[in-house]
Amino acid sequence: MPSASGARHSIDPLLPILSFALIAAALLSMAVGANSIAPSTLLNWLGLPFGDAPQAFERMTLLQLRLPRILLAIAVGAALATAGVAMQGLVRNPLADPGLIGLSSGAALAAALVIVIGTARRLPGLPQNLLLPIAAFLGAAAAAACVLWLARDDGHTRVATLLLAGLAINAIAGAGISLMAYLADDQALRSITFWMFGSLGKAGWQEILIALPLLLLPVALLPRYGRTLNALLLGEPEAGHLGINVESLKRQVMTLVILAVASSVAVAGIIGFIGLIVPHLIRLHTGPDHRRLLPAAALAGALLLLCGDTLSRTILSPAELPIGILTAVIGGPFFLLLLARFRHRPELA
C-alpha cells in the first residue's frame, strides 16, 4: 500500500485538473443552450468588469434555470460516482454498480408508487417534494436489504449471487414500475416517465435546498472510509485480523450508498452507469487506493454528468434529450468492454 506522502504526491496533479475542468464546464453550461449567452455578458453577470450587463431574461435564465441545474448535476454526478467507488470496494469487484444491484430500480419503484397514490388519493402530510426523497430512500433500502440477504452465505457476501439477485430485483422493480404506469393518469404517467428516462430539467432552488444536503453528505463522509475499504480489498478475514469490524463497515458504507443513490433518483430519475464508468476511469490513473479514488471520482462524476447534461439539452435544441438515455448509450458499450476485460476473473465465474 503506498505511503500517505506518496498518495498526496500522486493526487496533487489530478484534483486541480479535475477542479479546473469542472469550473470550465460549469461556465460553458451557463453560456450555451436554446438562448445562448455571450461570454462577456456571462462574465459581467459573475461580477467581472467585462461586456454588457445581461438583459432581464438572461438574468432569469442564468439564475432560475441554468445555475440550479448545474448545481444539481454536480451534486448528483459526485454522489453517484462516489457511491460506485464505495460499492465496488465493498464487494471487491470493479463491475459492481449501485444500479446493477437494484438500488436505482427500488428507489424508482417507491417513487412511482408515491406518484400514483399521491395523485389519486391526495395523501395528506408531507409535501410531494419531501415525500418523494423519503420514499425513494426506503425503496432503495428495501432493495439493498433483499439483495444483501440473498447474497449472504455462511457469514460472507457472495459477489456472483449479489449481482444475480440485483438483476432479479431490477426485473421485479421494472415490472412494478410498468404496473404503476398502467394504473397512472396522464399527469402521473408523465412524472413516471421522467423517473425512467432521467432528467435534470425539473431542477429548481426548492429541489436544491432539499436534495443538496442529502447528496453531499455521502460525498463528504465516504472518503473517511478510504483506509478501511483498502483493507477490505485484502479479503474480509484479513480485514478482520487488522481490527476492522467488517459487518459494521458494510452497514455504514451501504447506508451512505443508499442515501446517495436514493437522493439522486428522487431528484433526477434513473441515471445509469455514472457509478460504473467514473470509478474505472479514475482507477486507471490512481490505482486501487480508495483514499485517492473517492475524492477524485467525486470530481470526475460531477464533471461527466455536467458535460452530459449540457450536451443533452443542446444536441437537439430546443428539444431536450433525457440524460439517462445519453448515459445509457455511452455506458452500455463501456460495461460490455469491462465485462470482456474481467471475464476471466475467478469471482465472476
Protein backbone atom coordinates (compact mmCIF):
# COMPACT_ATOMS: atom_id res chain seq x y z
CA MET A 1 0.00 0.00 0.00
CA PRO A 2 1.51 3.38 -0.91
CA SER A 3 2.52 5.71 1.86
CA ALA A 4 0.43 8.75 2.75
CA SER A 5 3.10 11.08 1.39
CA GLY A 6 3.18 9.12 -1.85
CA ALA A 7 -0.61 9.30 -2.12
CA ARG A 8 -0.53 13.07 -1.61
CA HIS A 9 2.20 13.44 -4.21
CA SER A 10 0.25 11.36 -6.75
CA ILE A 11 -3.09 13.03 -6.15
CA ASP A 12 -1.85 16.64 -6.32
CA PRO A 13 -1.92 16.96 -10.13
CA LEU A 14 -5.26 15.21 -10.57
CA LEU A 15 -7.59 17.11 -8.25
CA PRO A 16 -6.63 20.59 -9.51
CA ILE A 17 -7.04 19.43 -13.13
CA LEU A 18 -10.47 17.99 -12.44
CA SER A 19 -11.47 21.07 -10.43
CA PHE A 20 -10.39 23.42 -13.20
CA ALA A 21 -12.21 21.31 -15.80
CA LEU A 22 -15.36 21.32 -13.65
CA ILE A 23 -15.31 25.11 -13.35
CA ALA A 24 -14.77 25.47 -17.10
CA ALA A 25 -17.62 23.04 -17.81
CA ALA A 26 -19.92 24.97 -15.46
CA LEU A 27 -19.14 28.26 -17.23
CA LEU A 28 -19.73 26.63 -20.61
CA SER A 29 -23.02 25.14 -19.41
CA MET A 30 -24.16 28.57 -18.22
CA ALA A 31 -23.41 30.11 -21.60
CA VAL A 32 -24.88 27.57 -24.03
CA GLY A 33 -28.45 26.49 -24.57
CA ALA A 34 -31.56 27.35 -26.54
CA ASN A 35 -30.78 31.00 -25.70
CA SER A 36 -27.01 31.36 -25.79
CA ILE A 37 -25.37 34.00 -23.64
CA ALA A 38 -22.23 35.79 -24.77
CA PRO A 39 -19.12 35.00 -22.69
CA SER A 40 -18.56 38.70 -21.94
CA THR A 41 -22.16 39.02 -20.69
CA LEU A 42 -21.72 35.94 -18.53
CA LEU A 43 -18.53 37.35 -17.01
CA ASN A 44 -20.33 40.63 -16.31
CA TRP A 45 -23.12 38.72 -14.54
CA LEU A 46 -20.47 36.97 -12.44
CA GLY A 47 -19.21 40.36 -11.28
CA LEU A 48 -16.21 40.79 -13.58
CA PRO A 49 -15.75 44.07 -15.49
CA PHE A 50 -16.35 42.67 -18.99
CA GLY A 51 -19.02 43.21 -21.62
CA ASP A 52 -22.54 44.49 -21.24
CA ALA A 53 -24.83 43.73 -18.35
CA PRO A 54 -27.22 40.84 -19.05
CA GLN A 55 -30.80 41.59 -20.03
CA ALA A 56 -33.66 40.68 -17.67
CA PHE A 57 -34.47 37.43 -19.49
CA GLU A 58 -30.77 36.49 -19.48
CA ARG A 59 -30.54 37.07 -15.71
CA MET A 60 -33.65 34.95 -15.18
CA THR A 61 -32.27 32.20 -17.43
CA LEU A 62 -28.99 32.11 -15.55
CA LEU A 63 -30.33 32.39 -12.02
CA GLN A 64 -33.57 30.42 -12.18
CA LEU A 65 -32.85 27.81 -14.86
CA ARG A 66 -29.19 27.11 -15.52
CA LEU A 67 -27.50 27.70 -12.17
CA PRO A 68 -29.72 25.33 -10.11
CA ARG A 69 -29.48 22.73 -12.88
CA ILE A 70 -25.68 22.98 -12.89
CA LEU A 71 -25.52 22.63 -9.10
CA LEU A 72 -27.82 19.62 -9.19
CA ALA A 73 -25.81 17.96 -11.98
CA ILE A 74 -22.60 18.44 -9.98
CA ALA A 75 -24.13 17.05 -6.79
CA VAL A 76 -25.84 14.06 -8.45
CA GLY A 77 -22.76 13.18 -10.52
CA ALA A 78 -20.48 13.34 -7.48
CA ALA A 79 -22.89 11.27 -5.37
CA LEU A 80 -23.34 8.53 -7.98
CA ALA A 81 -19.61 8.26 -8.74
CA THR A 82 -18.67 8.16 -5.06
CA ALA A 83 -21.34 5.55 -4.40
CA GLY A 84 -19.97 3.49 -7.30
CA VAL A 85 -16.45 3.53 -5.87
CA ALA A 86 -17.72 2.55 -2.42
CA MET A 87 -19.89 -0.25 -3.82
CA GLN A 88 -17.04 -1.69 -5.87
CA GLY A 89 -14.75 -1.57 -2.85
CA LEU A 90 -17.37 -3.12 -0.62
CA VAL A 91 -17.91 -6.15 -2.86
CA ARG A 92 -14.33 -6.12 -4.18
CA ASN A 93 -15.45 -6.18 -7.79
CA PRO A 94 -14.90 -3.50 -10.47
CA LEU A 95 -18.14 -4.47 -12.26
CA ALA A 96 -20.36 -3.64 -9.28
CA ASP A 97 -22.63 -0.64 -9.57
CA PRO A 98 -25.48 0.61 -7.36
CA GLY A 99 -27.83 0.38 -10.33
CA LEU A 100 -26.84 -3.20 -11.14
CA ILE A 101 -27.84 -4.49 -7.70
CA GLY A 102 -31.28 -2.93 -7.77
CA LEU A 103 -30.88 0.25 -5.73
CA SER A 104 -31.93 2.63 -8.51
CA SER A 105 -34.88 0.46 -9.57
CA GLY A 106 -36.04 0.02 -5.98
CA ALA A 107 -35.92 3.76 -5.40
CA ALA A 108 -37.73 4.44 -8.67
CA LEU A 109 -40.46 1.91 -7.86
CA ALA A 110 -41.09 3.56 -4.50
CA ALA A 111 -41.19 6.98 -6.16
CA ALA A 112 -43.66 5.68 -8.77
CA LEU A 113 -45.89 4.32 -6.00
CA VAL A 114 -45.90 7.70 -4.29
CA ILE A 115 -46.63 9.49 -7.57
CA VAL A 116 -49.60 7.26 -8.41
CA ILE A 117 -51.05 7.02 -4.89
CA GLY A 118 -50.35 10.66 -4.12
CA THR A 119 -52.01 11.80 -7.36
CA ALA A 120 -55.03 9.53 -6.99
CA ARG A 121 -55.65 9.82 -3.23
CA ARG A 122 -54.25 13.28 -2.42
CA LEU A 123 -52.33 11.96 0.55
CA PRO A 124 -52.13 14.41 3.45
CA GLY A 125 -48.99 15.09 5.44
CA LEU A 126 -45.61 15.67 3.90
CA PRO A 127 -45.41 17.75 0.72
CA GLN A 128 -44.71 15.87 -2.52
CA ASN A 129 -41.19 17.27 -2.92
CA LEU A 130 -40.23 15.90 0.52
CA LEU A 131 -42.22 12.69 0.35
CA LEU A 132 -40.53 11.52 -2.86
CA PRO A 133 -36.95 11.52 -1.48
CA ILE A 134 -38.12 9.67 1.64
CA ALA A 135 -39.98 7.09 -0.44
CA ALA A 136 -37.01 6.68 -2.78
CA PHE A 137 -34.66 6.15 0.17
CA LEU A 138 -36.95 3.48 1.64
CA GLY A 139 -37.30 1.78 -1.74
CA ALA A 140 -33.54 1.65 -2.22
CA ALA A 141 -33.07 0.42 1.35
CA ALA A 142 -35.60 -2.37 0.82
CA ALA A 143 -33.91 -3.42 -2.42
CA ALA A 144 -30.48 -3.37 -0.76
CA ALA A 145 -31.69 -5.39 2.22
CA CYS A 146 -33.22 -8.03 -0.04
CA VAL A 147 -30.13 -8.31 -2.24
CA LEU A 148 -27.71 -8.47 0.68
CA TRP A 149 -29.83 -11.10 2.45
CA LEU A 150 -29.87 -13.28 -0.65
CA ALA A 151 -26.13 -12.84 -1.17
CA ARG A 152 -25.18 -13.83 2.39
CA ASP A 153 -23.83 -17.36 2.79
CA ASP A 154 -22.16 -18.57 5.96
CA GLY A 155 -21.31 -15.05 7.06
CA HIS A 156 -19.89 -13.98 3.69
CA THR A 157 -21.26 -11.94 0.82
CA ARG A 158 -21.11 -13.84 -2.48
CA VAL A 159 -20.41 -11.42 -5.31
CA ALA A 160 -21.92 -13.57 -8.06
CA THR A 161 -25.11 -14.06 -6.03
CA LEU A 162 -25.19 -10.34 -5.28
CA LEU A 163 -25.16 -9.45 -8.97
CA LEU A 164 -27.71 -12.13 -9.89
CA ALA A 165 -30.03 -11.04 -7.08
CA GLY A 166 -29.64 -7.46 -8.31
CA LEU A 167 -30.75 -8.50 -11.78
CA ALA A 168 -33.83 -10.15 -10.29
CA ILE A 169 -34.66 -7.06 -8.19
CA ASN A 170 -34.26 -4.88 -11.28
CA ALA A 171 -36.70 -7.11 -13.19
CA ILE A 172 -39.26 -7.12 -10.37
CA ALA A 173 -38.99 -3.37 -9.85
CA GLY A 174 -39.27 -2.79 -13.59
CA ALA A 175 -42.49 -4.80 -13.64
CA GLY A 176 -43.80 -2.82 -10.70
CA ILE A 177 -42.99 0.49 -12.42
CA SER A 178 -44.76 -0.73 -15.56
CA LEU A 179 -47.81 -1.62 -13.46
CA MET A 180 -47.80 1.85 -11.87
CA ALA A 181 -47.55 3.39 -15.34
CA TYR A 182 -50.55 1.31 -16.45
CA LEU A 183 -52.60 2.48 -13.46
CA ALA A 184 -51.50 6.11 -13.61
CA ASP A 185 -53.45 9.03 -15.02
CA ASP A 186 -51.88 11.34 -17.59
CA GLN A 187 -50.18 13.62 -15.09
CA ALA A 188 -48.74 10.76 -13.04
CA LEU A 189 -47.67 8.94 -16.20
CA ARG A 190 -45.61 11.93 -17.30
CA SER A 191 -43.94 12.02 -13.88
CA ILE A 192 -43.15 8.29 -14.00
CA THR A 193 -41.69 8.73 -17.48
CA PHE A 194 -39.43 11.42 -16.02
CA TRP A 195 -38.10 8.93 -13.45
CA MET A 196 -37.47 6.25 -16.04
CA PHE A 197 -35.64 8.44 -18.55
CA GLY A 198 -33.70 10.51 -16.06
CA SER A 199 -33.56 14.27 -16.37
CA LEU A 200 -32.32 17.36 -14.58
CA GLY A 201 -34.94 19.51 -16.28
CA LYS A 202 -37.01 19.96 -13.11
CA ALA A 203 -34.11 21.39 -11.13
CA GLY A 204 -35.10 24.45 -9.13
CA TRP A 205 -33.98 26.17 -5.97
CA GLN A 206 -36.57 24.32 -3.88
CA GLU A 207 -35.25 20.97 -5.09
CA ILE A 208 -31.69 22.17 -4.50
CA LEU A 209 -32.39 23.12 -0.87
CA ILE A 210 -33.94 19.71 -0.18
CA ALA A 211 -31.64 17.43 -2.17
CA LEU A 212 -28.22 19.08 -1.88
CA PRO A 213 -27.58 18.13 1.78
CA LEU A 214 -28.70 14.55 1.14
CA LEU A 215 -26.46 14.26 -1.93
CA LEU A 216 -23.37 15.91 -0.46
CA LEU A 217 -23.46 14.03 2.86
CA PRO A 218 -22.27 10.70 1.36
CA VAL A 219 -19.79 12.56 -0.85
CA ALA A 220 -18.28 14.14 2.27
CA LEU A 221 -18.41 11.06 4.53
CA LEU A 222 -17.43 8.16 2.24
CA PRO A 223 -13.77 9.31 1.85
CA ARG A 224 -13.41 8.74 5.59
CA TYR A 225 -13.73 5.00 4.84
CA GLY A 226 -10.90 5.00 2.30
CA ARG A 227 -8.37 3.28 4.56
CA THR A 228 -10.81 0.60 5.75
CA LEU A 229 -12.01 -0.08 2.20
CA ASN A 230 -8.35 -0.55 1.25
CA ALA A 231 -8.04 -3.16 3.99
CA LEU A 232 -11.22 -4.86 2.78
CA LEU A 233 -9.56 -5.40 -0.61
CA LEU A 234 -7.37 -7.98 1.12
CA GLY A 235 -10.48 -10.01 1.99
CA GLU A 236 -12.95 -9.99 4.86
CA PRO A 237 -10.96 -12.34 7.16
CA GLU A 238 -7.78 -10.34 6.62
CA ALA A 239 -9.58 -7.05 7.27
CA GLY A 240 -10.98 -8.56 10.47
CA HIS A 241 -7.48 -9.53 11.60
CA LEU A 242 -6.48 -5.88 11.14
CA GLY A 243 -9.08 -4.88 13.71
CA ILE A 244 -11.84 -3.79 11.33
CA ASN A 245 -15.44 -4.62 12.16
CA VAL A 246 -16.36 -5.77 8.66
CA GLU A 247 -20.09 -6.08 9.24
CA SER A 248 -20.29 -2.62 10.78
CA LEU A 249 -18.25 -1.24 7.87
CA LYS A 250 -20.66 -2.81 5.39
CA ARG A 251 -23.71 -1.36 7.14
CA GLN A 252 -22.28 2.13 7.35
CA VAL A 253 -20.98 2.26 3.79
CA MET A 254 -24.15 0.68 2.37
CA THR A 255 -26.29 3.24 4.21
CA LEU A 256 -24.34 6.09 2.64
CA VAL A 257 -24.51 4.42 -0.79
CA ILE A 258 -28.27 4.03 -0.44
CA LEU A 259 -28.59 7.68 0.60
CA ALA A 260 -26.58 8.83 -2.42
CA VAL A 261 -28.47 6.69 -4.93
CA ALA A 262 -31.94 7.24 -3.47
CA SER A 263 -31.48 11.01 -3.32
CA SER A 264 -30.20 11.04 -6.89
CA VAL A 265 -33.16 9.03 -8.16
CA ALA A 266 -35.57 11.21 -6.18
CA VAL A 267 -34.47 14.43 -7.90
CA ALA A 268 -33.19 13.23 -11.26
CA GLY A 269 -34.70 9.82 -12.00
CA ILE A 270 -32.62 6.84 -13.10
CA ILE A 271 -29.24 7.95 -14.45
CA GLY A 272 -27.25 4.82 -15.11
CA PHE A 273 -23.59 3.92 -15.47
CA ILE A 274 -22.07 7.02 -13.80
CA GLY A 275 -21.18 4.83 -10.83
CA LEU A 276 -19.57 2.29 -13.15
CA ILE A 277 -17.73 4.41 -15.72
CA VAL A 278 -16.16 7.02 -13.46
CA PRO A 279 -14.57 4.74 -10.82
CA HIS A 280 -12.97 2.61 -13.52
CA LEU A 281 -11.56 5.61 -15.42
CA ILE A 282 -10.15 7.17 -12.26
CA ARG A 283 -8.77 3.82 -11.07
CA LEU A 284 -6.72 3.58 -14.27
CA HIS A 285 -4.91 6.74 -13.19
CA THR A 286 -4.78 6.49 -9.39
CA GLY A 287 -4.71 2.74 -8.78
CA PRO A 288 -6.90 0.95 -6.22
CA ASP A 289 -6.21 3.25 -3.23
CA HIS A 290 -9.65 4.45 -2.06
CA ARG A 291 -8.11 7.43 -0.30
CA ARG A 292 -7.30 8.73 -3.76
CA LEU A 293 -10.19 7.18 -5.66
CA LEU A 294 -13.07 8.65 -3.68
CA PRO A 295 -12.32 12.41 -3.89
CA ALA A 296 -11.12 12.14 -7.50
CA ALA A 297 -14.20 10.15 -8.53
CA ALA A 298 -16.48 12.75 -6.93
CA LEU A 299 -14.99 15.50 -9.11
CA ALA A 300 -14.91 13.32 -12.21
CA GLY A 301 -18.52 12.19 -11.72
CA ALA A 302 -19.65 15.79 -11.33
CA LEU A 303 -17.72 16.74 -14.47
CA LEU A 304 -19.08 13.85 -16.55
CA LEU A 305 -22.72 14.39 -15.61
CA LEU A 306 -22.46 18.16 -16.07
CA CYS A 307 -20.96 17.72 -19.54
CA GLY A 308 -23.55 15.07 -20.39
CA ASP A 309 -26.41 17.28 -19.23
CA THR A 310 -25.08 20.23 -21.23
CA LEU A 311 -24.90 18.01 -24.30
CA SER A 312 -28.35 16.53 -23.69
CA ARG A 313 -30.06 19.94 -23.62
CA THR A 314 -28.16 21.37 -26.59
CA ILE A 315 -27.75 18.49 -29.05
CA LEU A 316 -31.44 18.58 -30.05
CA SER A 317 -32.12 22.19 -29.06
CA PRO A 318 -34.75 23.49 -28.43
CA ALA A 319 -35.85 19.93 -27.57
CA GLU A 320 -34.03 18.05 -24.81
CA LEU A 321 -32.60 14.53 -24.84
CA PRO A 322 -33.08 12.89 -21.41
CA ILE A 323 -29.72 12.49 -19.71
CA GLY A 324 -30.49 8.90 -18.75
CA ILE A 325 -30.69 7.94 -22.42
CA LEU A 326 -27.34 9.59 -23.12
CA THR A 327 -25.54 7.90 -20.22
CA ALA A 328 -27.04 4.53 -21.22
CA VAL A 329 -25.83 4.95 -24.82
CA ILE A 330 -22.32 5.63 -23.52
CA GLY A 331 -22.35 3.31 -20.52
CA GLY A 332 -23.81 0.19 -22.15
CA PRO A 333 -20.90 -0.44 -24.53
CA PHE A 334 -18.46 0.60 -21.80
CA PHE A 335 -19.91 -2.03 -19.45
CA LEU A 336 -19.57 -4.70 -22.15
CA LEU A 337 -15.90 -3.76 -22.57
CA LEU A 338 -15.41 -4.05 -18.80
CA LEU A 339 -17.15 -7.42 -18.78
CA ALA A 340 -14.91 -8.65 -21.59
CA ARG A 341 -11.82 -7.43 -19.78
CA PHE A 342 -12.66 -9.07 -16.43
CA ARG A 343 -14.45 -12.19 -17.69
CA HIS A 344 -11.58 -14.49 -16.67
CA ARG A 345 -11.55 -13.35 -13.03
CA PRO A 346 -12.49 -16.26 -10.74
CA GLU A 347 -15.07 -14.28 -8.69
CA LEU A 348 -17.11 -13.75 -11.87
CA ALA A 349 -17.29 -17.43 -12.67
